[in-house]
Each structure stands twice: as structure tokens, then as C-alpha cells.
Amino acid sequence: MVYILMYSSYQKLTTPAIAVLTFANPASAMFSDYVIYRHILEPIQGVGVALIVLASLAVNLNWSLFPTNLISKM
């Protein structure tokens, strides 16, 4: 039931917002696993969570990998 409600709200979101939420799901699952079951993250999982947070910030703050003035000159 939860998944039905979660995915039905996707129609109202932008594509970048859907991408952030999709990639945040594993990070929240690992956080919940630590809080509930006290499973400690492996170092590679910690790197993955950090990359998810960085990517979410990049989307929300409109960071660009390439300056837009360089793309428009191509």
C-alpha cells in the first residue's frame, strides 16, 4: 500500500525531484538498518551514502558539471 501511494505522487513531481527521491531510498534504508538493527555500514556503503547526499545537493542547488556558457558555444 505504501508503494502505491509513493509512486502515485510521482506524477506531480519534476524529473530531478524523482531522481533525488529514488537515489535517497537506499540511503534511508541503510540509515534505518543502523538505527533499528545496529548494523554498521561498510566503508564502501558510507562512500555511497556520501555520493547520494552530494548528488542530491547538486540537483537541489542547480549545480552544473559544465559551465553553461561553454555548452552554448559548442
N, C-alpha and C. Protein backbone atom coordinates (compact mmCIF):
# COMPACT_ATOMS: atom_id res chain seq x y z
N MET A 1 0.82 -1.20 0.00
CA MET A 1 0.00 0.00 0.00
C MET A 1 0.86 1.26 0.00
N VAL A 2 1.95 1.24 0.75
CA VAL A 2 2.82 2.40 0.83
C VAL A 2 3.43 2.71 -0.54
N TYR A 3 3.86 1.65 -1.26
CA TYR A 3 4.47 1.86 -2.56
C TYR A 3 3.47 2.45 -3.56
N ILE A 4 2.22 2.07 -3.46
CA ILE A 4 1.21 2.61 -4.36
C ILE A 4 1.07 4.11 -4.13
N LEU A 5 1.02 4.52 -2.88
CA LEU A 5 0.90 5.94 -2.57
C LEU A 5 2.16 6.69 -2.98
N MET A 6 3.32 6.08 -2.78
CA MET A 6 4.58 6.73 -3.11
C MET A 6 4.68 6.97 -4.61
N TYR A 7 4.41 5.96 -5.40
CA TYR A 7 4.57 6.09 -6.84
C TYR A 7 3.45 6.88 -7.49
N SER A 8 2.29 6.95 -6.90
CA SER A 8 1.21 7.74 -7.49
C SER A 8 1.49 9.23 -7.37
N SER A 9 2.30 9.62 -6.41
CA SER A 9 2.63 11.04 -6.27
C SER A 9 3.71 11.48 -7.25
N TYR A 10 4.35 10.56 -7.94
CA TYR A 10 5.40 10.90 -8.91
C TYR A 10 4.86 11.77 -10.04
N GLN A 11 3.59 11.65 -10.36
CA GLN A 11 3.01 12.42 -11.46
C GLN A 11 3.11 13.92 -11.21
N LYS A 12 3.16 14.32 -9.95
CA LYS A 12 3.16 15.73 -9.60
C LYS A 12 4.57 16.29 -9.41
N LEU A 13 5.59 15.45 -9.53
CA LEU A 13 6.96 15.88 -9.28
C LEU A 13 7.73 16.10 -10.58
N THR A 14 8.78 16.89 -10.47
CA THR A 14 9.67 17.07 -11.62
C THR A 14 10.63 15.89 -11.71
N THR A 15 11.23 15.74 -12.87
CA THR A 15 12.17 14.63 -13.08
C THR A 15 13.35 14.68 -12.12
N PRO A 16 14.00 15.85 -11.89
CA PRO A 16 15.10 15.88 -10.92
C PRO A 16 14.66 15.49 -9.50
N ALA A 17 13.45 15.89 -9.12
CA ALA A 17 12.96 15.52 -7.79
C ALA A 17 12.76 14.01 -7.67
N ILE A 18 12.26 13.39 -8.72
CA ILE A 18 12.08 11.94 -8.72
C ILE A 18 13.43 11.25 -8.62
N ALA A 19 14.42 11.76 -9.34
CA ALA A 19 15.76 11.16 -9.29
C ALA A 19 16.34 11.23 -7.89
N VAL A 20 16.20 12.37 -7.24
CA VAL A 20 16.73 12.51 -5.88
C VAL A 20 16.03 11.55 -4.92
N LEU A 21 14.73 11.47 -5.01
CA LEU A 21 13.98 10.58 -4.12
C LEU A 21 14.33 9.11 -4.37
N THR A 22 14.52 8.75 -5.63
CA THR A 22 14.85 7.37 -5.96
C THR A 22 16.21 6.98 -5.40
N PHE A 23 17.18 7.88 -5.52
CA PHE A 23 18.51 7.57 -5.02
C PHE A 23 18.62 7.73 -3.51
N ALA A 24 17.72 8.49 -2.89
CA ALA A 24 17.75 8.64 -1.44
C ALA A 24 17.16 7.42 -0.73
N ASN A 25 16.38 6.63 -1.43
CA ASN A 25 15.75 5.46 -0.83
C ASN A 25 16.77 4.47 -0.25
N PRO A 26 17.84 4.09 -0.97
CA PRO A 26 18.82 3.17 -0.36
C PRO A 26 19.54 3.79 0.84
N ALA A 27 19.81 5.08 0.79
CA ALA A 27 20.49 5.74 1.91
C ALA A 27 19.60 5.71 3.16
N SER A 28 18.31 5.97 2.98
CA SER A 28 17.41 5.93 4.13
C SER A 28 17.24 4.50 4.65
N ALA A 29 17.29 3.52 3.75
CA ALA A 29 17.19 2.12 4.18
C ALA A 29 18.41 1.73 5.02
N MET A 30 19.60 2.16 4.60
CA MET A 30 20.81 1.84 5.37
C MET A 30 20.80 2.55 6.72
N PHE A 31 20.30 3.80 6.74
CA PHE A 31 20.20 4.53 8.00
C PHE A 31 19.23 3.83 8.94
N SER A 32 18.08 3.40 8.41
CA SER A 32 17.10 2.68 9.23
C SER A 32 17.66 1.36 9.74
N ASP A 33 18.43 0.69 8.90
CA ASP A 33 19.06 -0.58 9.31
C ASP A 33 20.01 -0.36 10.48
N TYR A 34 20.72 0.76 10.46
CA TYR A 34 21.63 1.06 11.57
C TYR A 34 20.85 1.40 12.84
N VAL A 35 19.81 2.23 12.69
CA VAL A 35 19.05 2.66 13.87
C VAL A 35 18.30 1.50 14.50
N ILE A 36 17.67 0.67 13.69
CA ILE A 36 16.82 -0.40 14.24
C ILE A 36 17.62 -1.62 14.64
N TYR A 37 18.53 -2.08 13.74
CA TYR A 37 19.23 -3.33 13.98
C TYR A 37 20.70 -3.15 14.39
N ARG A 38 21.18 -1.92 14.42
CA ARG A 38 22.56 -1.60 14.79
C ARG A 38 23.59 -2.24 13.84
N HIS A 39 23.22 -2.41 12.56
CA HIS A 39 24.19 -2.88 11.57
C HIS A 39 25.06 -1.71 11.16
N ILE A 40 26.35 -1.90 11.24
CA ILE A 40 27.28 -0.83 10.91
C ILE A 40 27.57 -0.86 9.42
N LEU A 41 27.64 0.32 8.81
CA LEU A 41 27.91 0.43 7.38
C LEU A 41 29.33 -0.01 7.06
N GLU A 42 29.48 -0.67 5.94
CA GLU A 42 30.80 -0.94 5.40
C GLU A 42 31.34 0.38 4.83
N PRO A 43 32.65 0.51 4.73
CA PRO A 43 33.20 1.76 4.20
C PRO A 43 32.68 2.12 2.81
N ILE A 44 32.52 1.14 1.94
CA ILE A 44 32.02 1.43 0.59
C ILE A 44 30.58 1.91 0.64
N GLN A 45 29.79 1.43 1.60
CA GLN A 45 28.42 1.90 1.75
C GLN A 45 28.41 3.35 2.22
N GLY A 46 29.34 3.69 3.10
CA GLY A 46 29.46 5.07 3.56
C GLY A 46 29.81 6.01 2.42
N VAL A 47 30.69 5.56 1.53
CA VAL A 47 31.03 6.35 0.34
C VAL A 47 29.79 6.52 -0.54
N GLY A 48 29.02 5.46 -0.69
CA GLY A 48 27.80 5.54 -1.49
C GLY A 48 26.80 6.52 -0.92
N VAL A 49 26.62 6.50 0.39
CA VAL A 49 25.69 7.44 1.03
C VAL A 49 26.19 8.87 0.83
N ALA A 50 27.50 9.08 0.97
CA ALA A 50 28.06 10.42 0.76
C ALA A 50 27.83 10.89 -0.68
N LEU A 51 27.99 9.99 -1.64
CA LEU A 51 27.74 10.36 -3.04
C LEU A 51 26.27 10.67 -3.29
N ILE A 52 25.37 9.94 -2.63
CA ILE A 52 23.94 10.21 -2.76
C ILE A 52 23.62 11.59 -2.22
N VAL A 53 24.18 11.93 -1.06
CA VAL A 53 23.95 13.25 -0.47
C VAL A 53 24.51 14.34 -1.37
N LEU A 54 25.71 14.13 -1.91
CA LEU A 54 26.32 15.11 -2.80
C LEU A 54 25.49 15.30 -4.08
N ALA A 55 25.02 14.21 -4.64
CA ALA A 55 24.19 14.30 -5.85
C ALA A 55 22.86 15.01 -5.56
N SER A 56 22.28 14.74 -4.40
CA SER A 56 21.03 15.41 -4.03
C SER A 56 21.25 16.91 -3.87
N LEU A 57 22.36 17.28 -3.25
CA LEU A 57 22.68 18.70 -3.13
C LEU A 57 22.88 19.34 -4.50
N ALA A 58 23.56 18.64 -5.38
CA ALA A 58 23.82 19.17 -6.72
C ALA A 58 22.53 19.44 -7.47
N VAL A 59 21.57 18.54 -7.35
CA VAL A 59 20.29 18.74 -8.05
C VAL A 59 19.51 19.87 -7.40
N ASN A 60 19.44 19.89 -6.09
CA ASN A 60 18.65 20.91 -5.40
C ASN A 60 19.24 22.30 -5.51
N LEU A 61 20.56 22.40 -5.61
CA LEU A 61 21.22 23.70 -5.71
C LEU A 61 21.55 24.08 -7.14
N ASN A 62 21.08 23.28 -8.10
CA ASN A 62 21.30 23.52 -9.53
C ASN A 62 22.77 23.64 -9.90
N TRP A 63 23.59 22.79 -9.33
CA TRP A 63 25.00 22.74 -9.72
C TRP A 63 25.09 22.17 -11.12
N SER A 64 26.09 22.59 -11.86
CA SER A 64 26.28 22.10 -13.21
C SER A 64 27.68 21.50 -13.32
N LEU A 65 27.78 20.39 -14.01
CA LEU A 65 29.08 19.75 -14.22
C LEU A 65 29.94 20.58 -15.16
N PHE A 66 29.29 21.17 -16.14
CA PHE A 66 29.98 22.03 -17.10
C PHE A 66 29.34 23.41 -17.06
N PRO A 67 30.14 24.46 -17.17
CA PRO A 67 29.54 25.80 -17.23
C PRO A 67 28.62 25.93 -18.44
N THR A 68 27.49 26.57 -18.27
CA THR A 68 26.51 26.65 -19.35
C THR A 68 27.02 27.48 -20.52
N ASN A 69 27.92 28.45 -20.28
CA ASN A 69 28.41 29.25 -21.39
C ASN A 69 29.29 28.43 -22.33
N LEU A 70 29.95 27.39 -21.82
CA LEU A 70 30.75 26.54 -22.69
C LEU A 70 29.87 25.64 -23.54
N ILE A 71 28.77 25.18 -22.99
CA ILE A 71 27.87 24.30 -23.74
C ILE A 71 27.19 25.08 -24.86
N SER A 72 26.81 26.32 -24.60
CA SER A 72 26.10 27.10 -25.62
C SER A 72 27.02 27.46 -26.79
N LYS A 73 28.35 27.48 -26.59
CA LYS A 73 29.29 27.81 -27.66
C LYS A 73 29.62 26.62 -28.55
N MET A 74 29.23 25.42 -28.15
CA MET A 74 29.56 24.23 -28.92
C MET A 74 28.69 24.08 -30.13
